[in-house]
Amino acid sequence: MTGTPLVLACGALVSELRAVLAASSLTDLVEVRYVPANLHNRPERIVPALRAMLAEHDPDGTRPVTIA
């Protein structure tokens, strides 16, 4: 795998994830994208949203990806 690591995270975790990345000096080393937190109310939409984000931000499937 190559490229900048990508984190796809729930929008409810914005503050916490930013704090962890800053405390670990990783803010500039990873790309973070958030799915809307309101998807908790429509869980059947979470996987399609993640797939769309992956297609947009890692179309070749070559980046390390973490889903949180």
N, C-alpha and C. Protein backbone atom coordinates (compact mmCIF):
# COMPACT_ATOMS: atom_id res chain seq x y z
N MET A 1 0.84 -1.19 0.00
CA MET A 1 0.00 0.00 0.00
C MET A 1 0.88 1.25 0.00
N THR A 2 0.39 2.24 -0.67
CA THR A 2 1.14 3.49 -0.76
C THR A 2 0.21 4.65 -0.50
N GLY A 3 0.78 5.81 -0.36
CA GLY A 3 -0.02 7.01 -0.20
C GLY A 3 -0.27 7.36 1.25
N THR A 4 -0.83 8.53 1.43
CA THR A 4 -1.16 9.03 2.75
C THR A 4 -2.26 8.18 3.35
N PRO A 5 -2.10 7.77 4.61
CA PRO A 5 -3.17 7.00 5.24
C PRO A 5 -4.47 7.80 5.27
N LEU A 6 -5.57 7.09 5.12
CA LEU A 6 -6.91 7.69 5.10
C LEU A 6 -7.70 7.14 6.27
N VAL A 7 -8.32 8.03 7.02
CA VAL A 7 -9.22 7.63 8.10
C VAL A 7 -10.62 8.08 7.72
N LEU A 8 -11.55 7.15 7.69
CA LEU A 8 -12.97 7.46 7.49
C LEU A 8 -13.63 7.27 8.84
N ALA A 9 -14.19 8.35 9.37
CA ALA A 9 -14.70 8.31 10.74
C ALA A 9 -16.10 8.90 10.82
N CYS A 10 -16.78 8.51 11.85
CA CYS A 10 -18.10 9.06 12.15
C CYS A 10 -17.96 10.52 12.54
N GLY A 11 -18.83 11.35 12.02
CA GLY A 11 -18.82 12.76 12.34
C GLY A 11 -18.99 13.06 13.82
N ALA A 12 -19.52 12.11 14.57
CA ALA A 12 -19.66 12.29 16.02
C ALA A 12 -18.31 12.26 16.73
N LEU A 13 -17.26 11.82 16.02
CA LEU A 13 -15.94 11.69 16.62
C LEU A 13 -14.97 12.81 16.24
N VAL A 14 -15.47 13.86 15.61
CA VAL A 14 -14.59 14.92 15.10
C VAL A 14 -13.68 15.46 16.20
N SER A 15 -14.23 15.93 17.28
CA SER A 15 -13.42 16.56 18.33
C SER A 15 -12.41 15.58 18.93
N GLU A 16 -12.87 14.38 19.23
CA GLU A 16 -12.00 13.40 19.85
C GLU A 16 -10.87 12.98 18.92
N LEU A 17 -11.19 12.73 17.66
CA LEU A 17 -10.18 12.29 16.71
C LEU A 17 -9.16 13.40 16.45
N ARG A 18 -9.63 14.62 16.33
CA ARG A 18 -8.70 15.74 16.14
C ARG A 18 -7.76 15.86 17.32
N ALA A 19 -8.27 15.69 18.52
CA ALA A 19 -7.44 15.78 19.73
C ALA A 19 -6.39 14.68 19.75
N VAL A 20 -6.78 13.46 19.41
CA VAL A 20 -5.83 12.34 19.40
C VAL A 20 -4.76 12.55 18.34
N LEU A 21 -5.16 12.97 17.16
CA LEU A 21 -4.19 13.21 16.09
C LEU A 21 -3.22 14.33 16.46
N ALA A 22 -3.73 15.39 17.06
CA ALA A 22 -2.87 16.51 17.46
C ALA A 22 -1.91 16.07 18.56
N ALA A 23 -2.41 15.35 19.55
CA ALA A 23 -1.56 14.90 20.66
C ALA A 23 -0.48 13.94 20.19
N SER A 24 -0.73 13.25 19.10
CA SER A 24 0.22 12.28 18.56
C SER A 24 1.05 12.86 17.42
N SER A 25 0.90 14.14 17.15
CA SER A 25 1.59 14.82 16.04
C SER A 25 1.34 14.13 14.70
N LEU A 26 0.11 13.70 14.49
CA LEU A 26 -0.25 13.00 13.26
C LEU A 26 -1.18 13.81 12.35
N THR A 27 -1.55 14.99 12.78
CA THR A 27 -2.53 15.79 12.05
C THR A 27 -2.17 15.96 10.57
N ASP A 28 -0.91 16.22 10.30
CA ASP A 28 -0.49 16.46 8.91
C ASP A 28 -0.07 15.19 8.19
N LEU A 29 -0.13 14.05 8.86
CA LEU A 29 0.35 12.80 8.26
C LEU A 29 -0.76 11.88 7.79
N VAL A 30 -2.01 12.20 8.14
CA VAL A 30 -3.14 11.38 7.71
C VAL A 30 -4.23 12.30 7.16
N GLU A 31 -5.01 11.76 6.26
CA GLU A 31 -6.19 12.47 5.76
C GLU A 31 -7.40 11.88 6.47
N VAL A 32 -8.24 12.74 7.00
CA VAL A 32 -9.43 12.29 7.71
C VAL A 32 -10.66 12.83 7.00
N ARG A 33 -11.60 11.96 6.76
CA ARG A 33 -12.90 12.33 6.18
C ARG A 33 -13.97 11.78 7.10
N TYR A 34 -15.03 12.53 7.26
CA TYR A 34 -16.10 12.16 8.19
C TYR A 34 -17.40 11.87 7.46
N VAL A 35 -18.06 10.79 7.87
CA VAL A 35 -19.42 10.54 7.41
C VAL A 35 -20.35 11.28 8.37
N PRO A 36 -21.49 11.73 7.90
CA PRO A 36 -22.40 12.47 8.78
C PRO A 36 -22.82 11.65 10.00
N ALA A 37 -22.77 12.28 11.16
CA ALA A 37 -23.14 11.60 12.40
C ALA A 37 -24.59 11.15 12.39
N ASN A 38 -25.44 11.84 11.64
CA ASN A 38 -26.86 11.47 11.64
C ASN A 38 -27.13 10.14 10.96
N LEU A 39 -26.10 9.53 10.36
CA LEU A 39 -26.29 8.20 9.79
C LEU A 39 -26.58 7.15 10.87
N HIS A 40 -26.30 7.49 12.12
CA HIS A 40 -26.67 6.57 13.21
C HIS A 40 -28.18 6.31 13.20
N ASN A 41 -28.92 7.28 12.72
CA ASN A 41 -30.38 7.13 12.65
C ASN A 41 -30.82 6.32 11.45
N ARG A 42 -29.93 6.12 10.49
CA ARG A 42 -30.21 5.35 9.27
C ARG A 42 -29.04 4.42 8.99
N PRO A 43 -28.81 3.44 9.85
CA PRO A 43 -27.61 2.59 9.73
C PRO A 43 -27.47 1.90 8.38
N GLU A 44 -28.55 1.68 7.67
CA GLU A 44 -28.45 1.03 6.37
C GLU A 44 -27.75 1.92 5.34
N ARG A 45 -27.58 3.18 5.66
CA ARG A 45 -26.89 4.10 4.76
C ARG A 45 -25.39 4.24 5.05
N ILE A 46 -24.93 3.65 6.16
CA ILE A 46 -23.53 3.82 6.55
C ILE A 46 -22.59 3.15 5.53
N VAL A 47 -22.83 1.90 5.21
CA VAL A 47 -21.94 1.18 4.29
C VAL A 47 -21.93 1.84 2.91
N PRO A 48 -23.07 2.19 2.34
CA PRO A 48 -23.01 2.89 1.04
C PRO A 48 -22.23 4.22 1.11
N ALA A 49 -22.37 4.93 2.22
CA ALA A 49 -21.63 6.19 2.37
C ALA A 49 -20.13 5.93 2.44
N LEU A 50 -19.74 4.91 3.16
CA LEU A 50 -18.32 4.56 3.25
C LEU A 50 -17.77 4.12 1.89
N ARG A 51 -18.55 3.33 1.18
CA ARG A 51 -18.12 2.89 -0.16
C ARG A 51 -17.92 4.08 -1.09
N ALA A 52 -18.83 5.04 -1.02
CA ALA A 52 -18.71 6.24 -1.87
C ALA A 52 -17.46 7.04 -1.49
N MET A 53 -17.19 7.15 -0.20
CA MET A 53 -16.01 7.88 0.24
C MET A 53 -14.73 7.17 -0.20
N LEU A 54 -14.72 5.86 -0.10
CA LEU A 54 -13.56 5.09 -0.56
C LEU A 54 -13.35 5.27 -2.06
N ALA A 55 -14.43 5.23 -2.82
CA ALA A 55 -14.32 5.41 -4.27
C ALA A 55 -13.77 6.79 -4.61
N GLU A 56 -14.13 7.78 -3.83
CA GLU A 56 -13.68 9.14 -4.09
C GLU A 56 -12.24 9.37 -3.63
N HIS A 57 -11.90 8.88 -2.44
CA HIS A 57 -10.62 9.22 -1.82
C HIS A 57 -9.55 8.15 -1.96
N ASP A 58 -9.92 6.96 -2.40
CA ASP A 58 -8.96 5.88 -2.63
C ASP A 58 -9.44 5.02 -3.79
N PRO A 59 -9.61 5.62 -4.96
CA PRO A 59 -10.20 4.89 -6.08
C PRO A 59 -9.39 3.68 -6.54
N ASP A 60 -8.08 3.71 -6.33
CA ASP A 60 -7.25 2.58 -6.74
C ASP A 60 -7.10 1.52 -5.66
N GLY A 61 -7.59 1.83 -4.46
CA GLY A 61 -7.47 0.87 -3.35
C GLY A 61 -6.04 0.65 -2.90
N THR A 62 -5.22 1.70 -2.99
CA THR A 62 -3.81 1.56 -2.67
C THR A 62 -3.39 2.21 -1.36
N ARG A 63 -4.30 2.93 -0.73
CA ARG A 63 -3.95 3.64 0.51
C ARG A 63 -4.27 2.78 1.72
N PRO A 64 -3.50 2.96 2.80
CA PRO A 64 -3.92 2.35 4.05
C PRO A 64 -5.17 3.08 4.55
N VAL A 65 -6.21 2.36 4.90
CA VAL A 65 -7.48 2.95 5.31
C VAL A 65 -7.89 2.40 6.67
N THR A 66 -8.32 3.31 7.55
CA THR A 66 -8.89 2.93 8.83
C THR A 66 -10.30 3.50 8.88
N ILE A 67 -11.22 2.70 9.35
CA ILE A 67 -12.60 3.17 9.51
C ILE A 67 -12.90 3.20 11.00
N ALA A 68 -13.34 4.38 11.46
CA ALA A 68 -13.59 4.55 12.90
C ALA A 68 -15.00 5.05 13.13
